[in-house]
Amino acid sequence: MSDGNGRRAQRARYTRGMGRGLAVAVMVIAGSAGVAYYYQHVAGRVVQAAENSNPSVPADARVDRGRYLVTITGCGDCHTPLTMTDKGPRPDPDRLLSGHPERATVLPAPKTQGAWVWSGAGTGTAFAGPWGVTFAANLTPDKNTGLGIWTEPMFVRAMRTGKHWGEGRDIQPPMPWRAYAKMTDEDLKAVFAYLRSVRPVRNYVPDYVPAGEE
């Protein structure tokens, strides 16, 4: 009986030891898998994000620089609708950089000849010329009607190439993208950072109307 009890106790201790060993092995494997997943999926994204940013330029400084550039280059002159005040038409602060108002009534553009360009619609955001009729785009970070889904590289390519989204249709006059194309990468990134910081305005701007179309 004592020998039997001793063997059973020995087997029990062996089983418990095997159980603890198996548990440790499982934890080691799980930990290794977790570390591998982190370096493959998480750390990679962190490194990529760091590579895509400029640590020498604080985020708030970049936005301030972008605000300055957007102001001195007159982006709001076309992209911020005008509203009538007791002192005449003024940029509407509630629709900052939101483009041509989607509900604004626009009459057919008058015939243009030669180099003449016509701007009107009462908001200063619609333009007609030999190329057709264009409407100032919504530059706010609204995801459905503005730049909300744009990325920084996409914006920089658009300003460099004069292509919508950096690879789509041509950006039509009077947008002076050729002047913006002369900006440094850092200045264009600052402009984009500022545009991402303004209040989103949901405003669907009408599509470009090619010359000869109503």
C-alpha atoms as a PDB file:
ATOM      1  CA  MET A   1       0.000   0.000   0.000  1.00  0.00           C
ATOM      2  CA  SER A   2       2.756   2.436   0.922  1.00  0.00           C
ATOM      3  CA  ASP A   3       4.623   1.658  -2.317  1.00  0.00           C
ATOM      4  CA  GLY A   4       1.416   2.192  -4.298  1.00  0.00           C
ATOM      5  CA  ASN A   5       0.697   5.437  -2.532  1.00  0.00           C
ATOM      6  CA  GLY A   6       4.262   6.589  -3.154  1.00  0.00           C
ATOM      7  CA  ARG A   7       4.038   5.812  -6.876  1.00  0.00           C
ATOM      8  CA  ARG A   8       0.698   7.633  -7.113  1.00  0.00           C
ATOM      9  CA  ALA A   9       2.163  10.667  -5.304  1.00  0.00           C
ATOM     10  CA  GLN A  10       5.179  10.562  -7.604  1.00  0.00           C
ATOM     11  CA  ARG A  11       2.936  10.403 -10.703  1.00  0.00           C
ATOM     12  CA  ALA A  12       0.866  13.314  -9.330  1.00  0.00           C
ATOM     13  CA  ARG A  13       3.974  15.408  -8.802  1.00  0.00           C
ATOM     14  CA  TYR A  14       5.170  14.496 -12.298  1.00  0.00           C
ATOM     15  CA  THR A  15       1.801  15.403 -13.812  1.00  0.00           C
ATOM     16  CA  ARG A  16       1.721  18.739 -11.981  1.00  0.00           C
ATOM     17  CA  GLY A  17       5.268  19.429 -13.160  1.00  0.00           C
ATOM     18  CA  MET A  18       4.328  18.580 -16.739  1.00  0.00           C
ATOM     19  CA  GLY A  19       1.280  20.858 -16.436  1.00  0.00           C
ATOM     20  CA  ARG A  20       3.366  23.745 -15.173  1.00  0.00           C
ATOM     21  CA  GLY A  21       5.937  23.146 -17.877  1.00  0.00           C
ATOM     22  CA  LEU A  22       3.248  23.069 -20.556  1.00  0.00           C
ATOM     23  CA  ALA A  23       1.717  26.286 -19.216  1.00  0.00           C
ATOM     24  CA  VAL A  24       5.098  28.004 -19.258  1.00  0.00           C
ATOM     25  CA  ALA A  25       5.715  26.786 -22.796  1.00  0.00           C
ATOM     26  CA  VAL A  26       2.336  28.080 -23.924  1.00  0.00           C
ATOM     27  CA  MET A  27       3.012  31.478 -22.329  1.00  0.00           C
ATOM     28  CA  VAL A  28       6.436  31.661 -23.970  1.00  0.00           C
ATOM     29  CA  ILE A  29       4.967  30.804 -27.384  1.00  0.00           C
ATOM     30  CA  ALA A  30       2.129  33.283 -26.918  1.00  0.00           C
ATOM     31  CA  GLY A  31       4.530  35.955 -25.796  1.00  0.00           C
ATOM     32  CA  SER A  32       6.785  35.325 -28.769  1.00  0.00           C
ATOM     33  CA  ALA A  33       3.814  35.497 -31.101  1.00  0.00           C
ATOM     34  CA  GLY A  34       2.706  38.745 -29.491  1.00  0.00           C
ATOM     35  CA  VAL A  35       6.162  40.253 -29.884  1.00  0.00           C
ATOM     36  CA  ALA A  36       6.297  39.123 -33.514  1.00  0.00           C
ATOM     37  CA  TYR A  37       2.849  40.601 -34.185  1.00  0.00           C
ATOM     38  CA  TYR A  38       3.858  43.889 -32.563  1.00  0.00           C
ATOM     39  CA  TYR A  39       6.979  44.296 -34.659  1.00  0.00           C
ATOM     40  CA  GLN A  40       5.225  43.189 -37.825  1.00  0.00           C
ATOM     41  CA  HIS A  41       1.981  45.176 -37.504  1.00  0.00           C
ATOM     42  CA  VAL A  42       2.346  47.879 -34.866  1.00  0.00           C
ATOM     43  CA  ALA A  43       5.966  48.921 -34.758  1.00  0.00           C
ATOM     44  CA  GLY A  44       6.053  49.087 -38.549  1.00  0.00           C
ATOM     45  CA  ARG A  45       3.217  51.600 -38.578  1.00  0.00           C
ATOM     46  CA  VAL A  46       4.876  53.661 -35.857  1.00  0.00           C
ATOM     47  CA  VAL A  47       8.149  53.737 -37.778  1.00  0.00           C
ATOM     48  CA  GLN A  48       6.357  54.578 -41.021  1.00  0.00           C
ATOM     49  CA  ALA A  49       4.457  57.414 -39.338  1.00  0.00           C
ATOM     50  CA  ALA A  50       7.689  58.766 -37.927  1.00  0.00           C
ATOM     51  CA  GLU A  51       9.323  58.619 -41.355  1.00  0.00           C
ATOM     52  CA  ASN A  52       6.395  60.516 -42.895  1.00  0.00           C
ATOM     53  CA  SER A  53       6.644  63.364 -40.381  1.00  0.00           C
ATOM     54  CA  ASN A  54       9.237  66.028 -39.838  1.00  0.00           C
ATOM     55  CA  PRO A  55      10.175  65.975 -36.144  1.00  0.00           C
ATOM     56  CA  SER A  56      12.027  69.275 -36.543  1.00  0.00           C
ATOM     57  CA  VAL A  57       8.732  71.085 -37.232  1.00  0.00           C
ATOM     58  CA  PRO A  58       6.229  71.038 -34.327  1.00  0.00           C
ATOM     59  CA  ALA A  59       2.647  70.428 -35.409  1.00  0.00           C
ATOM     60  CA  ASP A  60       1.362  73.774 -34.113  1.00  0.00           C
ATOM     61  CA  ALA A  61       4.206  75.626 -35.851  1.00  0.00           C
ATOM     62  CA  ARG A  62       3.362  73.892 -39.119  1.00  0.00           C
ATOM     63  CA  VAL A  63      -0.310  74.876 -38.838  1.00  0.00           C
ATOM     64  CA  ASP A  64       0.671  78.477 -38.058  1.00  0.00           C
ATOM     65  CA  ARG A  65       2.964  78.510 -41.084  1.00  0.00           C
ATOM     66  CA  GLY A  66       0.159  77.111 -43.223  1.00  0.00           C
ATOM     67  CA  ARG A  67      -2.285  79.763 -41.972  1.00  0.00           C
ATOM     68  CA  TYR A  68       0.226  82.448 -42.918  1.00  0.00           C
ATOM     69  CA  LEU A  69       0.749  81.017 -46.421  1.00  0.00           C
ATOM     70  CA  VAL A  70      -2.964  80.554 -47.086  1.00  0.00           C
ATOM     71  CA  THR A  71      -3.557  84.151 -46.010  1.00  0.00           C
ATOM     72  CA  ILE A  72      -0.831  85.857 -48.026  1.00  0.00           C
ATOM     73  CA  THR A  73      -1.529  83.828 -51.181  1.00  0.00           C
ATOM     74  CA  GLY A  74      -5.195  84.810 -51.125  1.00  0.00           C
ATOM     75  CA  CYS A  75      -6.768  81.340 -51.028  1.00  0.00           C
ATOM     76  CA  GLY A  76      -9.819  82.789 -49.303  1.00  0.00           C
ATOM     77  CA  ASP A  77     -10.313  85.332 -52.090  1.00  0.00           C
ATOM     78  CA  CYS A  78     -11.761  82.530 -54.218  1.00  0.00           C
ATOM     79  CA  HIS A  79     -12.572  79.725 -51.780  1.00  0.00           C
ATOM     80  CA  THR A  80     -14.412  81.680 -49.064  1.00  0.00           C
ATOM     81  CA  PRO A  81     -17.891  82.808 -50.206  1.00  0.00           C
ATOM     82  CA  LEU A  82     -18.846  86.451 -49.829  1.00  0.00           C
ATOM     83  CA  THR A  83     -21.817  87.579 -47.774  1.00  0.00           C
ATOM     84  CA  MET A  84     -23.480  90.984 -47.877  1.00  0.00           C
ATOM     85  CA  THR A  85     -23.005  93.220 -44.846  1.00  0.00           C
ATOM     86  CA  ASP A  86     -23.841  96.846 -44.068  1.00  0.00           C
ATOM     87  CA  LYS A  87     -20.374  97.674 -45.378  1.00  0.00           C
ATOM     88  CA  GLY A  88     -20.736  95.709 -48.587  1.00  0.00           C
ATOM     89  CA  PRO A  89     -19.658  92.147 -49.462  1.00  0.00           C
ATOM     90  CA  ARG A  90     -17.305  90.505 -46.978  1.00  0.00           C
ATOM     91  CA  PRO A  91     -15.876  86.970 -46.657  1.00  0.00           C
ATOM     92  CA  ASP A  92     -18.319  84.800 -44.696  1.00  0.00           C
ATOM     93  CA  PRO A  93     -16.468  83.586 -41.552  1.00  0.00           C
ATOM     94  CA  ASP A  94     -18.992  80.768 -41.079  1.00  0.00           C
ATOM     95  CA  ARG A  95     -18.079  79.336 -44.479  1.00  0.00           C
ATOM     96  CA  LEU A  96     -14.321  79.800 -44.371  1.00  0.00           C
ATOM     97  CA  LEU A  97     -12.664  78.083 -47.362  1.00  0.00           C
ATOM     98  CA  SER A  98     -15.799  76.016 -48.043  1.00  0.00           C
ATOM     99  CA  GLY A  99     -15.955  76.863 -51.754  1.00  0.00           C
ATOM    100  CA  HIS A 100     -18.891  77.768 -53.942  1.00  0.00           C
ATOM    101  CA  PRO A 101     -22.158  77.365 -51.987  1.00  0.00           C
ATOM    102  CA  GLU A 102     -24.061  74.374 -53.314  1.00  0.00           C
ATOM    103  CA  ARG A 103     -27.408  76.198 -53.113  1.00  0.00           C
ATOM    104  CA  ALA A 104     -26.273  79.440 -54.722  1.00  0.00           C
ATOM    105  CA  THR A 105     -28.255  80.330 -57.836  1.00  0.00           C
ATOM    106  CA  VAL A 106     -26.013  80.510 -60.873  1.00  0.00           C
ATOM    107  CA  LEU A 107     -27.306  81.940 -64.145  1.00  0.00           C
ATOM    108  CA  PRO A 108     -25.785  80.827 -67.457  1.00  0.00           C
ATOM    109  CA  ALA A 109     -22.367  82.378 -67.887  1.00  0.00           C
ATOM    110  CA  PRO A 110     -22.120  85.215 -70.394  1.00  0.00           C
ATOM    111  CA  LYS A 111     -20.187  84.608 -73.583  1.00  0.00           C
ATOM    112  CA  THR A 112     -16.505  85.329 -73.160  1.00  0.00           C
ATOM    113  CA  GLN A 113     -14.071  86.254 -75.898  1.00  0.00           C
ATOM    114  CA  GLY A 114     -10.315  86.338 -75.990  1.00  0.00           C
ATOM    115  CA  ALA A 115      -8.630  86.565 -72.631  1.00  0.00           C
ATOM    116  CA  TRP A 116     -11.673  87.785 -70.717  1.00  0.00           C
ATOM    117  CA  VAL A 117     -12.600  85.971 -67.516  1.00  0.00           C
ATOM    118  CA  TRP A 118     -15.914  86.480 -65.751  1.00  0.00           C
ATOM    119  CA  SER A 119     -16.499  86.000 -62.028  1.00  0.00           C
ATOM    120  CA  GLY A 120     -19.876  86.286 -60.435  1.00  0.00           C
ATOM    121  CA  ALA A 121     -22.791  84.405 -58.836  1.00  0.00           C
ATOM    122  CA  GLY A 122     -22.832  86.989 -56.021  1.00  0.00           C
ATOM    123  CA  THR A 123     -20.438  84.949 -53.884  1.00  0.00           C
ATOM    124  CA  GLY A 124     -17.223  85.451 -55.865  1.00  0.00           C
ATOM    125  CA  THR A 125     -16.772  81.677 -56.150  1.00  0.00           C
ATOM    126  CA  ALA A 126     -17.910  80.947 -59.733  1.00  0.00           C
ATOM    127  CA  PHE A 127     -15.711  81.646 -62.764  1.00  0.00           C
ATOM    128  CA  ALA A 128     -16.242  81.485 -66.513  1.00  0.00           C
ATOM    129  CA  GLY A 129     -13.749  81.707 -69.354  1.00  0.00           C
ATOM    130  CA  PRO A 130     -12.736  80.002 -72.597  1.00  0.00           C
ATOM    131  CA  TRP A 131     -12.140  76.785 -70.612  1.00  0.00           C
ATOM    132  CA  GLY A 132     -15.744  76.619 -69.367  1.00  0.00           C
ATOM    133  CA  VAL A 133     -17.235  77.284 -65.936  1.00  0.00           C
ATOM    134  CA  THR A 134     -15.484  76.416 -62.692  1.00  0.00           C
ATOM    135  CA  PHE A 135     -16.470  76.687 -59.045  1.00  0.00           C
ATOM    136  CA  ALA A 136     -14.112  77.212 -56.113  1.00  0.00           C
ATOM    137  CA  ALA A 137     -13.546  73.902 -54.329  1.00  0.00           C
ATOM    138  CA  ASN A 138     -14.344  73.097 -50.719  1.00  0.00           C
ATOM    139  CA  LEU A 139     -10.980  73.115 -48.928  1.00  0.00           C
ATOM    140  CA  THR A 140     -12.303  72.272 -45.465  1.00  0.00           C
ATOM    141  CA  PRO A 141     -11.653  68.791 -43.991  1.00  0.00           C
ATOM    142  CA  ASP A 142     -15.240  67.588 -44.493  1.00  0.00           C
ATOM    143  CA  LYS A 143     -14.934  63.914 -45.485  1.00  0.00           C
ATOM    144  CA  ASN A 144     -17.805  63.874 -47.964  1.00  0.00           C
ATOM    145  CA  THR A 145     -17.514  67.228 -49.716  1.00  0.00           C
ATOM    146  CA  GLY A 146     -14.062  68.614 -48.870  1.00  0.00           C
ATOM    147  CA  LEU A 147     -10.492  67.427 -48.365  1.00  0.00           C
ATOM    148  CA  GLY A 148     -11.313  65.037 -45.525  1.00  0.00           C
ATOM    149  CA  ILE A 149     -10.148  61.894 -47.355  1.00  0.00           C
ATOM    150  CA  TRP A 150      -7.127  63.539 -48.953  1.00  0.00           C
ATOM    151  CA  THR A 151      -3.663  62.593 -47.746  1.00  0.00           C
ATOM    152  CA  GLU A 152      -0.661  64.860 -47.478  1.00  0.00           C
ATOM    153  CA  PRO A 153       1.194  63.188 -50.408  1.00  0.00           C
ATOM    154  CA  MET A 154      -1.973  63.440 -52.523  1.00  0.00           C
ATOM    155  CA  PHE A 155      -2.247  67.169 -51.826  1.00  0.00           C
ATOM    156  CA  VAL A 156       1.422  67.805 -52.597  1.00  0.00           C
ATOM    157  CA  ARG A 157       1.156  65.873 -55.891  1.00  0.00           C
ATOM    158  CA  ALA A 158      -1.954  67.839 -56.856  1.00  0.00           C
ATOM    159  CA  MET A 159      -0.150  71.135 -56.343  1.00  0.00           C
ATOM    160  CA  ARG A 160       2.909  69.884 -58.208  1.00  0.00           C
ATOM    161  CA  THR A 161       1.092  68.390 -61.206  1.00  0.00           C
ATOM    162  CA  GLY A 162      -2.157  70.374 -61.510  1.00  0.00           C
ATOM    163  CA  LYS A 163      -4.117  67.121 -61.302  1.00  0.00           C
ATOM    164  CA  HIS A 164      -7.091  66.501 -59.022  1.00  0.00           C
ATOM    165  CA  TRP A 165      -6.030  64.041 -56.295  1.00  0.00           C
ATOM    166  CA  GLY A 166      -2.566  64.278 -57.850  1.00  0.00           C
ATOM    167  CA  GLU A 167      -3.485  61.917 -60.681  1.00  0.00           C
ATOM    168  CA  GLY A 168      -7.042  62.662 -61.875  1.00  0.00           C
ATOM    169  CA  ARG A 169      -8.585  65.348 -64.058  1.00  0.00           C
ATOM    170  CA  ASP A 170      -6.885  68.657 -64.724  1.00  0.00           C
ATOM    171  CA  ILE A 171      -7.333  71.423 -62.149  1.00  0.00           C
ATOM    172  CA  GLN A 172      -9.076  74.149 -64.121  1.00  0.00           C
ATOM    173  CA  PRO A 173      -8.487  77.944 -64.138  1.00  0.00           C
ATOM    174  CA  PRO A 174      -8.394  80.257 -62.378  1.00  0.00           C
ATOM    175  CA  MET A 175      -6.682  78.052 -59.763  1.00  0.00           C
ATOM    176  CA  PRO A 176      -3.010  79.204 -59.846  1.00  0.00           C
ATOM    177  CA  TRP A 177      -1.542  75.774 -59.131  1.00  0.00           C
ATOM    178  CA  ARG A 178       1.594  76.581 -61.152  1.00  0.00           C
ATOM    179  CA  ALA A 179       2.499  79.206 -58.551  1.00  0.00           C
ATOM    180  CA  TYR A 180       1.891  76.751 -55.706  1.00  0.00           C
ATOM    181  CA  ALA A 181       4.038  74.186 -57.520  1.00  0.00           C
ATOM    182  CA  LYS A 182       7.027  76.441 -56.813  1.00  0.00           C
ATOM    183  CA  MET A 183       6.527  76.087 -53.057  1.00  0.00           C
ATOM    184  CA  THR A 184       8.838  73.860 -51.061  1.00  0.00           C
ATOM    185  CA  ASP A 185       7.533  70.510 -49.853  1.00  0.00           C
ATOM    186  CA  GLU A 186       7.534  71.816 -46.298  1.00  0.00           C
ATOM    187  CA  ASP A 187       5.420  74.844 -47.253  1.00  0.00           C
ATOM    188  CA  LEU A 188       2.896  72.673 -49.100  1.00  0.00           C
ATOM    189  CA  LYS A 189       2.714  70.341 -46.110  1.00  0.00           C
ATOM    190  CA  ALA A 190       2.135  73.372 -43.882  1.00  0.00           C
ATOM    191  CA  VAL A 191      -0.710  74.560 -46.122  1.00  0.00           C
ATOM    192  CA  PHE A 192      -2.280  71.100 -45.950  1.00  0.00           C
ATOM    193  CA  ALA A 193      -1.863  70.979 -42.159  1.00  0.00           C
ATOM    194  CA  TYR A 194      -3.689  74.279 -41.816  1.00  0.00           C
ATOM    195  CA  LEU A 195      -6.496  73.219 -44.154  1.00  0.00           C
ATOM    196  CA  ARG A 196      -6.940  70.108 -42.003  1.00  0.00           C
ATOM    197  CA  SER A 197      -7.255  72.312 -38.915  1.00  0.00           C
ATOM    198  CA  VAL A 198     -10.131  74.551 -40.041  1.00  0.00           C
ATOM    199  CA  ARG A 199     -13.761  73.784 -39.217  1.00  0.00           C
ATOM    200  CA  PRO A 200     -15.285  71.184 -41.582  1.00  0.00           C
ATOM    201  CA  VAL A 201     -18.143  72.575 -43.659  1.00  0.00           C
ATOM    202  CA  ARG A 202     -20.436  70.197 -45.493  1.00  0.00           C
ATOM    203  CA  ASN A 203     -20.866  71.852 -48.877  1.00  0.00           C
ATOM    204  CA  TYR A 204     -21.048  70.007 -52.192  1.00  0.00           C
ATOM    205  CA  VAL A 205     -19.527  72.219 -54.867  1.00  0.00           C
ATOM    206  CA  PRO A 206     -20.996  71.861 -58.405  1.00  0.00           C
ATOM    207  CA  ASP A 207     -18.896  70.031 -60.956  1.00  0.00           C
ATOM    208  CA  TYR A 208     -16.806  71.782 -63.567  1.00  0.00           C
ATOM    209  CA  VAL A 209     -18.711  72.582 -66.779  1.00  0.00           C
ATOM    210  CA  PRO A 210     -16.550  72.223 -69.903  1.00  0.00           C
ATOM    211  CA  ALA A 211     -16.655  74.887 -72.580  1.00  0.00           C
ATOM    212  CA  GLY A 212     -19.647  74.550 -74.898  1.00  0.00           C
ATOM    213  CA  GLU A 213     -21.813  72.732 -72.345  1.00  0.00           C
ATOM    214  CA  GLU A 214     -24.776  74.277 -70.544  1.00  0.00           C
END
